[in-house]
Amino acid sequence: MKKLIFLIGISLLTLFLVSCNRENKISATEAPQVEASPSVSKNSEKTATDNQTNEHQKLEKKQNENAVKINETLTPLQKLFAEAHFQIPNKELKSINFKLKNLNGKTVSLESFRGKVVFLNFWATWCPPCRAEIPSMIELYNKLKTKGLEIVGVDLQEDRETVEKFVKQYGMNYTVLLDTTGQVGQIYGARSIPTTYIVDRNGNILARTIGTREWNSTEIIKLFEEILKQ
């Protein structure tokens, strides 16, 4: 069963990473490469350079046209996510349920928060960027918890005593779960932390962001207020 869940998780991650590429960027390996041999004349080199430039311009034009089409299809909520630089899946994407123990030893599942908007945050006590964003997360939670926001912090591969001491020190008043094996973090692709997923009331993944944020900013609070209206 665990293997099945893990495989489903990997599929979810792959789908999410692919679907998050809203604006396709052209890498050097994708761009046409024209190399001139030592015997090629200056005119030939100029022609090759001009051809390469034209190909780049065509690709850039196509990219820009695609970006316009994508932006036209975004919902008002997705536009808010895009403006806040979140990664957005291009179709409905269900979250994967998991069960982990909290600091009291009670088993808690992600599905138990169904009906609330879940701020799913993967972190660790040793992570400076994680520590930096916790105060603003607490402020966000205090402001919106009565409206249906739930923050779930999943600590990666640390013992209960270490996490419990840290939680008390920082005054973390939201749910903290222990992913002692790191398996749930792997399923959700939390290679870099903090990694945060926003899950709607029906268990759908709305967006993802990697790295520290000021979660109590006016922009973010407005975003979450819109999510909570859904």
C-alpha atoms as a PDB file:
ATOM      1  CA  MET A   1       0.000   0.000   0.000  1.00  0.00           C
ATOM      2  CA  LYS A   2       2.834   2.395   0.896  1.00  0.00           C
ATOM      3  CA  LYS A   3       4.520   1.655  -2.434  1.00  0.00           C
ATOM      4  CA  LEU A   4       1.268   2.397  -4.272  1.00  0.00           C
ATOM      5  CA  ILE A   5       0.853   5.715  -2.431  1.00  0.00           C
ATOM      6  CA  PHE A   6       4.458   6.620  -3.194  1.00  0.00           C
ATOM      7  CA  LEU A   7       4.033   5.850  -6.915  1.00  0.00           C
ATOM      8  CA  ILE A   8       0.842   7.901  -7.043  1.00  0.00           C
ATOM      9  CA  GLY A   9       2.710  10.699  -5.322  1.00  0.00           C
ATOM     10  CA  ILE A  10       5.514  10.673  -7.867  1.00  0.00           C
ATOM     11  CA  SER A  11       2.902  10.843 -10.637  1.00  0.00           C
ATOM     12  CA  LEU A  12       1.267  13.806  -8.896  1.00  0.00           C
ATOM     13  CA  LEU A  13       4.573  15.604  -8.596  1.00  0.00           C
ATOM     14  CA  THR A  14       5.470  15.005 -12.238  1.00  0.00           C
ATOM     15  CA  LEU A  15       2.063  16.234 -13.375  1.00  0.00           C
ATOM     16  CA  PHE A  16       2.321  19.303 -11.181  1.00  0.00           C
ATOM     17  CA  LEU A  17       5.799  20.246 -12.359  1.00  0.00           C
ATOM     18  CA  VAL A  18       4.731  19.903 -15.990  1.00  0.00           C
ATOM     19  CA  SER A  19       1.467  21.766 -15.512  1.00  0.00           C
ATOM     20  CA  CYS A  20       3.156  24.620 -13.650  1.00  0.00           C
ATOM     21  CA  ASN A  21       5.129  25.659 -16.726  1.00  0.00           C
ATOM     22  CA  ARG A  22       2.659  28.380 -17.668  1.00  0.00           C
ATOM     23  CA  GLU A  23       5.160  30.307 -19.748  1.00  0.00           C
ATOM     24  CA  ASN A  24       7.522  28.037 -21.646  1.00  0.00           C
ATOM     25  CA  LYS A  25      11.112  29.308 -21.638  1.00  0.00           C
ATOM     26  CA  ILE A  26      13.413  28.423 -24.505  1.00  0.00           C
ATOM     27  CA  SER A  27      16.707  26.948 -23.386  1.00  0.00           C
ATOM     28  CA  ALA A  28      19.961  27.079 -25.273  1.00  0.00           C
ATOM     29  CA  THR A  29      19.617  23.415 -26.176  1.00  0.00           C
ATOM     30  CA  GLU A  30      16.177  24.031 -27.725  1.00  0.00           C
ATOM     31  CA  ALA A  31      17.325  26.964 -29.856  1.00  0.00           C
ATOM     32  CA  PRO A  32      18.682  26.143 -33.313  1.00  0.00           C
ATOM     33  CA  GLN A  33      22.463  25.972 -33.260  1.00  0.00           C
ATOM     34  CA  VAL A  34      24.499  26.937 -36.340  1.00  0.00           C
ATOM     35  CA  GLU A  35      28.206  26.262 -36.306  1.00  0.00           C
ATOM     36  CA  ALA A  36      30.601  27.382 -39.025  1.00  0.00           C
ATOM     37  CA  SER A  37      33.634  25.318 -39.980  1.00  0.00           C
ATOM     38  CA  PRO A  38      37.050  27.018 -40.388  1.00  0.00           C
ATOM     39  CA  SER A  39      36.627  26.995 -44.180  1.00  0.00           C
ATOM     40  CA  VAL A  40      33.336  28.922 -44.148  1.00  0.00           C
ATOM     41  CA  SER A  41      33.590  32.437 -45.593  1.00  0.00           C
ATOM     42  CA  LYS A  42      32.550  35.614 -43.738  1.00  0.00           C
ATOM     43  CA  ASN A  43      29.445  35.855 -45.910  1.00  0.00           C
ATOM     44  CA  SER A  44      28.461  32.327 -44.968  1.00  0.00           C
ATOM     45  CA  GLU A  45      29.001  33.115 -41.295  1.00  0.00           C
ATOM     46  CA  LYS A  46      26.825  36.229 -41.608  1.00  0.00           C
ATOM     47  CA  THR A  47      24.097  34.232 -43.356  1.00  0.00           C
ATOM     48  CA  ALA A  48      24.205  31.584 -40.642  1.00  0.00           C
ATOM     49  CA  THR A  49      24.000  34.249 -37.913  1.00  0.00           C
ATOM     50  CA  ASP A  50      21.063  35.950 -39.643  1.00  0.00           C
ATOM     51  CA  ASN A  51      19.257  32.623 -39.985  1.00  0.00           C
ATOM     52  CA  GLN A  52      19.807  31.865 -36.302  1.00  0.00           C
ATOM     53  CA  THR A  53      18.509  35.328 -35.334  1.00  0.00           C
ATOM     54  CA  ASN A  54      15.399  34.845 -37.463  1.00  0.00           C
ATOM     55  CA  GLU A  55      14.726  31.466 -35.865  1.00  0.00           C
ATOM     56  CA  HIS A  56      15.057  32.995 -32.404  1.00  0.00           C
ATOM     57  CA  GLN A  57      12.637  35.770 -33.337  1.00  0.00           C
ATOM     58  CA  LYS A  58      10.092  33.258 -34.650  1.00  0.00           C
ATOM     59  CA  LEU A  59      10.337  31.200 -31.467  1.00  0.00           C
ATOM     60  CA  GLU A  60      10.012  34.287 -29.258  1.00  0.00           C
ATOM     61  CA  LYS A  61       6.958  35.436 -31.207  1.00  0.00           C
ATOM     62  CA  LYS A  62       5.341  32.027 -30.827  1.00  0.00           C
ATOM     63  CA  GLN A  63       6.156  32.013 -27.117  1.00  0.00           C
ATOM     64  CA  ASN A  64       4.591  35.451 -26.626  1.00  0.00           C
ATOM     65  CA  GLU A  65       1.462  34.421 -28.532  1.00  0.00           C
ATOM     66  CA  ASN A  66       1.109  31.335 -26.335  1.00  0.00           C
ATOM     67  CA  ALA A  67       1.571  33.420 -23.190  1.00  0.00           C
ATOM     68  CA  VAL A  68      -1.265  35.728 -24.247  1.00  0.00           C
ATOM     69  CA  LYS A  69      -3.582  32.779 -24.832  1.00  0.00           C
ATOM     70  CA  ILE A  70      -2.682  31.294 -21.444  1.00  0.00           C
ATOM     71  CA  ASN A  71      -3.292  34.586 -19.637  1.00  0.00           C
ATOM     72  CA  GLU A  72      -6.694  34.897 -21.301  1.00  0.00           C
ATOM     73  CA  THR A  73      -7.742  31.533 -19.873  1.00  0.00           C
ATOM     74  CA  LEU A  74      -6.830  32.297 -16.256  1.00  0.00           C
ATOM     75  CA  THR A  75      -9.642  32.664 -13.746  1.00  0.00           C
ATOM     76  CA  PRO A  76      -9.649  35.761 -11.496  1.00  0.00           C
ATOM     77  CA  LEU A  77      -8.247  33.650  -8.645  1.00  0.00           C
ATOM     78  CA  GLN A  78      -5.517  32.174 -10.843  1.00  0.00           C
ATOM     79  CA  LYS A  79      -4.560  35.673 -11.943  1.00  0.00           C
ATOM     80  CA  LEU A  80      -4.079  36.643  -8.301  1.00  0.00           C
ATOM     81  CA  PHE A  81      -1.841  33.595  -7.826  1.00  0.00           C
ATOM     82  CA  ALA A  82       0.105  34.456 -10.974  1.00  0.00           C
ATOM     83  CA  GLU A  83       0.576  38.057  -9.855  1.00  0.00           C
ATOM     84  CA  ALA A  84       1.912  36.746  -6.541  1.00  0.00           C
ATOM     85  CA  HIS A  85       4.364  34.479  -8.436  1.00  0.00           C
ATOM     86  CA  PHE A  86       2.857  31.121  -7.436  1.00  0.00           C
ATOM     87  CA  GLN A  87       3.083  28.037  -9.647  1.00  0.00           C
ATOM     88  CA  ILE A  88      -0.371  27.079 -10.957  1.00  0.00           C
ATOM     89  CA  PRO A  89      -1.511  23.691 -12.339  1.00  0.00           C
ATOM     90  CA  ASN A  90      -3.325  24.008 -15.672  1.00  0.00           C
ATOM     91  CA  LYS A  91      -6.079  21.577 -14.728  1.00  0.00           C
ATOM     92  CA  GLU A  92      -7.750  20.210 -11.611  1.00  0.00           C
ATOM     93  CA  LEU A  93      -5.212  18.420  -9.456  1.00  0.00           C
ATOM     94  CA  LYS A  94      -6.223  16.469  -6.363  1.00  0.00           C
ATOM     95  CA  SER A  95      -4.011  16.469  -3.299  1.00  0.00           C
ATOM     96  CA  ILE A  96      -2.746  13.112  -2.040  1.00  0.00           C
ATOM     97  CA  ASN A  97      -3.954  12.149   1.399  1.00  0.00           C
ATOM     98  CA  PHE A  98      -1.448  11.178   4.081  1.00  0.00           C
ATOM     99  CA  LYS A  99      -1.441  10.370   7.776  1.00  0.00           C
ATOM    100  CA  LEU A 100       1.206  11.641  10.189  1.00  0.00           C
ATOM    101  CA  LYS A 101       1.475  12.063  13.951  1.00  0.00           C
ATOM    102  CA  ASN A 102       1.269  15.438  15.631  1.00  0.00           C
ATOM    103  CA  LEU A 103       3.337  16.484  18.653  1.00  0.00           C
ATOM    104  CA  ASN A 104       0.855  14.771  20.989  1.00  0.00           C
ATOM    105  CA  GLY A 105       1.263  11.439  19.224  1.00  0.00           C
ATOM    106  CA  LYS A 106      -2.174  11.605  17.584  1.00  0.00           C
ATOM    107  CA  THR A 107      -2.447  10.490  13.966  1.00  0.00           C
ATOM    108  CA  VAL A 108      -3.801  13.249  11.725  1.00  0.00           C
ATOM    109  CA  SER A 109      -4.746  12.946   8.053  1.00  0.00           C
ATOM    110  CA  LEU A 110      -4.801  15.643   5.400  1.00  0.00           C
ATOM    111  CA  GLU A 111      -8.370  14.646   4.581  1.00  0.00           C
ATOM    112  CA  SER A 112      -9.445  15.552   8.115  1.00  0.00           C
ATOM    113  CA  PHE A 113      -9.146  19.214   7.090  1.00  0.00           C
ATOM    114  CA  ARG A 114     -11.554  18.840   4.171  1.00  0.00           C
ATOM    115  CA  GLY A 115     -13.903  21.814   4.114  1.00  0.00           C
ATOM    116  CA  LYS A 116     -11.094  24.222   4.996  1.00  0.00           C
ATOM    117  CA  VAL A 117      -8.470  25.945   2.898  1.00  0.00           C
ATOM    118  CA  VAL A 118      -5.180  24.255   3.800  1.00  0.00           C
ATOM    119  CA  PHE A 119      -1.828  26.008   3.822  1.00  0.00           C
ATOM    120  CA  LEU A 120       0.431  22.927   3.570  1.00  0.00           C
ATOM    121  CA  ASN A 121       3.970  23.916   4.505  1.00  0.00           C
ATOM    122  CA  PHE A 122       7.014  21.602   4.399  1.00  0.00           C
ATOM    123  CA  TRP A 123       9.787  22.811   6.695  1.00  0.00           C
ATOM    124  CA  ALA A 124      12.460  21.932   9.287  1.00  0.00           C
ATOM    125  CA  THR A 125      13.802  23.624  12.417  1.00  0.00           C
ATOM    126  CA  TRP A 126      17.358  23.820  11.020  1.00  0.00           C
ATOM    127  CA  CYS A 127      16.205  25.727   7.912  1.00  0.00           C
ATOM    128  CA  PRO A 128      16.848  29.534   8.162  1.00  0.00           C
ATOM    129  CA  PRO A 129      14.331  30.471   5.410  1.00  0.00           C
ATOM    130  CA  CYS A 130      11.702  28.348   7.181  1.00  0.00           C
ATOM    131  CA  ARG A 131      12.346  30.105  10.480  1.00  0.00           C
ATOM    132  CA  ALA A 132      12.199  33.504   8.775  1.00  0.00           C
ATOM    133  CA  GLU A 133       8.649  33.059   7.464  1.00  0.00           C
ATOM    134  CA  ILE A 134       7.069  31.495  10.567  1.00  0.00           C
ATOM    135  CA  PRO A 135       6.148  34.796  12.328  1.00  0.00           C
ATOM    136  CA  SER A 136       4.239  35.999   9.239  1.00  0.00           C
ATOM    137  CA  MET A 137       2.540  32.598   8.930  1.00  0.00           C
ATOM    138  CA  ILE A 138       1.331  32.919  12.509  1.00  0.00           C
ATOM    139  CA  GLU A 139      -0.048  36.392  11.745  1.00  0.00           C
ATOM    140  CA  LEU A 140      -1.826  35.114   8.635  1.00  0.00           C
ATOM    141  CA  TYR A 141      -3.323  32.224  10.599  1.00  0.00           C
ATOM    142  CA  ASN A 142      -4.493  34.439  13.453  1.00  0.00           C
ATOM    143  CA  LYS A 143      -6.180  36.790  10.991  1.00  0.00           C
ATOM    144  CA  LEU A 144      -7.988  34.188   8.885  1.00  0.00           C
ATOM    145  CA  LYS A 145      -8.410  30.990  10.936  1.00  0.00           C
ATOM    146  CA  THR A 146     -11.987  31.902  11.878  1.00  0.00           C
ATOM    147  CA  LYS A 147     -12.798  32.181   8.161  1.00  0.00           C
ATOM    148  CA  GLY A 148     -11.680  28.633   7.374  1.00  0.00           C
ATOM    149  CA  LEU A 149      -7.909  28.767   6.942  1.00  0.00           C
ATOM    150  CA  GLU A 150      -5.853  25.915   8.385  1.00  0.00           C
ATOM    151  CA  ILE A 151      -2.068  25.863   8.395  1.00  0.00           C
ATOM    152  CA  VAL A 152      -0.458  22.428   8.467  1.00  0.00           C
ATOM    153  CA  GLY A 153       3.302  22.454   8.969  1.00  0.00           C
ATOM    154  CA  VAL A 154       4.959  19.159   8.023  1.00  0.00           C
ATOM    155  CA  ASP A 155       8.382  18.887   9.636  1.00  0.00           C
ATOM    156  CA  LEU A 156      10.820  16.768   7.653  1.00  0.00           C
ATOM    157  CA  GLN A 157      12.850  14.028   9.302  1.00  0.00           C
ATOM    158  CA  GLU A 158      13.349  15.426  12.809  1.00  0.00           C
ATOM    159  CA  ASP A 159      12.568  13.939  16.208  1.00  0.00           C
ATOM    160  CA  ARG A 160       9.577  15.023  18.281  1.00  0.00           C
ATOM    161  CA  GLU A 161      11.622  16.572  21.100  1.00  0.00           C
ATOM    162  CA  THR A 162      13.529  18.897  18.747  1.00  0.00           C
ATOM    163  CA  VAL A 163      10.375  20.046  16.986  1.00  0.00           C
ATOM    164  CA  GLU A 164       8.357  20.426  20.169  1.00  0.00           C
ATOM    165  CA  LYS A 165      11.011  22.679  21.742  1.00  0.00           C
ATOM    166  CA  PHE A 166      11.157  24.798  18.578  1.00  0.00           C
ATOM    167  CA  VAL A 167       7.361  25.127  18.326  1.00  0.00           C
ATOM    168  CA  LYS A 168       7.148  26.419  21.887  1.00  0.00           C
ATOM    169  CA  GLN A 169      10.008  28.844  21.319  1.00  0.00           C
ATOM    170  CA  TYR A 170       8.372  30.359  18.224  1.00  0.00           C
ATOM    171  CA  GLY A 171       4.814  30.270  19.569  1.00  0.00           C
ATOM    172  CA  MET A 172       3.526  28.232  16.628  1.00  0.00           C
ATOM    173  CA  ASN A 173      -0.204  27.835  17.239  1.00  0.00           C
ATOM    174  CA  TYR A 174      -1.119  25.913  14.097  1.00  0.00           C
ATOM    175  CA  THR A 175      -1.009  22.167  13.352  1.00  0.00           C
ATOM    176  CA  VAL A 176       2.484  20.641  13.171  1.00  0.00           C
ATOM    177  CA  LEU A 177       2.970  17.080  11.921  1.00  0.00           C
ATOM    178  CA  LEU A 178       6.078  14.896  11.922  1.00  0.00           C
ATOM    179  CA  ASP A 179       7.238  13.313   8.669  1.00  0.00           C
ATOM    180  CA  THR A 180      10.019  11.346  10.349  1.00  0.00           C
ATOM    181  CA  THR A 181      10.828   9.239   7.277  1.00  0.00           C
ATOM    182  CA  GLY A 182      10.526  12.078   4.760  1.00  0.00           C
ATOM    183  CA  GLN A 183       8.176   9.986   2.616  1.00  0.00           C
ATOM    184  CA  VAL A 184       5.367  12.549   2.492  1.00  0.00           C
ATOM    185  CA  GLY A 185       7.887  15.252   1.646  1.00  0.00           C
ATOM    186  CA  GLN A 186       9.099  13.083  -1.247  1.00  0.00           C
ATOM    187  CA  ILE A 187       5.567  12.569  -2.504  1.00  0.00           C
ATOM    188  CA  TYR A 188       5.006  16.321  -2.548  1.00  0.00           C
ATOM    189  CA  GLY A 189       8.388  17.079  -4.103  1.00  0.00           C
ATOM    190  CA  ALA A 190       9.718  19.099  -1.165  1.00  0.00           C
ATOM    191  CA  ARG A 191      13.351  18.962  -2.270  1.00  0.00           C
ATOM    192  CA  SER A 192      13.873  22.574  -1.255  1.00  0.00           C
ATOM    193  CA  ILE A 193      12.258  24.021   1.840  1.00  0.00           C
ATOM    194  CA  PRO A 194      10.145  25.787   2.693  1.00  0.00           C
ATOM    195  CA  THR A 195       7.757  24.439   0.064  1.00  0.00           C
ATOM    196  CA  THR A 196       4.117  25.428   0.405  1.00  0.00           C
ATOM    197  CA  TYR A 197       0.980  24.097  -1.290  1.00  0.00           C
ATOM    198  CA  ILE A 198      -2.404  25.802  -1.157  1.00  0.00           C
ATOM    199  CA  VAL A 199      -5.249  23.265  -1.086  1.00  0.00           C
ATOM    200  CA  ASP A 200      -8.882  24.311  -1.478  1.00  0.00           C
ATOM    201  CA  ARG A 201     -11.876  23.177   0.562  1.00  0.00           C
ATOM    202  CA  ASN A 202     -12.458  20.209  -1.762  1.00  0.00           C
ATOM    203  CA  GLY A 203      -8.894  18.915  -1.592  1.00  0.00           C
ATOM    204  CA  ASN A 204      -7.716  20.362  -4.918  1.00  0.00           C
ATOM    205  CA  ILE A 205      -4.227  21.845  -5.194  1.00  0.00           C
ATOM    206  CA  LEU A 206      -4.591  25.480  -6.217  1.00  0.00           C
ATOM    207  CA  ALA A 207      -0.941  26.495  -6.291  1.00  0.00           C
ATOM    208  CA  ARG A 208       2.574  25.925  -4.999  1.00  0.00           C
ATOM    209  CA  THR A 209       5.450  28.178  -4.006  1.00  0.00           C
ATOM    210  CA  ILE A 210       9.036  27.431  -2.980  1.00  0.00           C
ATOM    211  CA  GLY A 211      11.015  29.665  -0.663  1.00  0.00           C
ATOM    212  CA  THR A 212      10.379  32.269   2.024  1.00  0.00           C
ATOM    213  CA  ARG A 213       7.476  34.703   1.784  1.00  0.00           C
ATOM    214  CA  GLU A 214       5.997  37.503   3.840  1.00  0.00           C
ATOM    215  CA  TRP A 215       2.689  35.796   4.437  1.00  0.00           C
ATOM    216  CA  ASN A 216       1.187  38.767   6.257  1.00  0.00           C
ATOM    217  CA  SER A 217       1.596  41.194   3.342  1.00  0.00           C
ATOM    218  CA  THR A 218      -1.453  43.037   1.992  1.00  0.00           C
ATOM    219  CA  GLU A 219      -1.159  41.182  -1.324  1.00  0.00           C
ATOM    220  CA  ILE A 220      -1.108  37.724   0.287  1.00  0.00           C
ATOM    221  CA  ILE A 221      -3.920  38.483   2.736  1.00  0.00           C
ATOM    222  CA  LYS A 222      -6.074  39.693  -0.163  1.00  0.00           C
ATOM    223  CA  LEU A 223      -5.277  36.478  -2.045  1.00  0.00           C
ATOM    224  CA  PHE A 224      -6.302  34.255   0.856  1.00  0.00           C
ATOM    225  CA  GLU A 225      -9.463  36.243   1.465  1.00  0.00           C
ATOM    226  CA  GLU A 226     -10.451  35.545  -2.146  1.00  0.00           C
ATOM    227  CA  ILE A 227      -9.629  31.831  -1.757  1.00  0.00           C
ATOM    228  CA  LEU A 228     -11.761  31.633   1.381  1.00  0.00           C
ATOM    229  CA  LYS A 229     -14.744  33.081  -0.487  1.00  0.00           C
ATOM    230  CA  GLN A 230     -14.761  30.137  -2.894  1.00  0.00           C
END
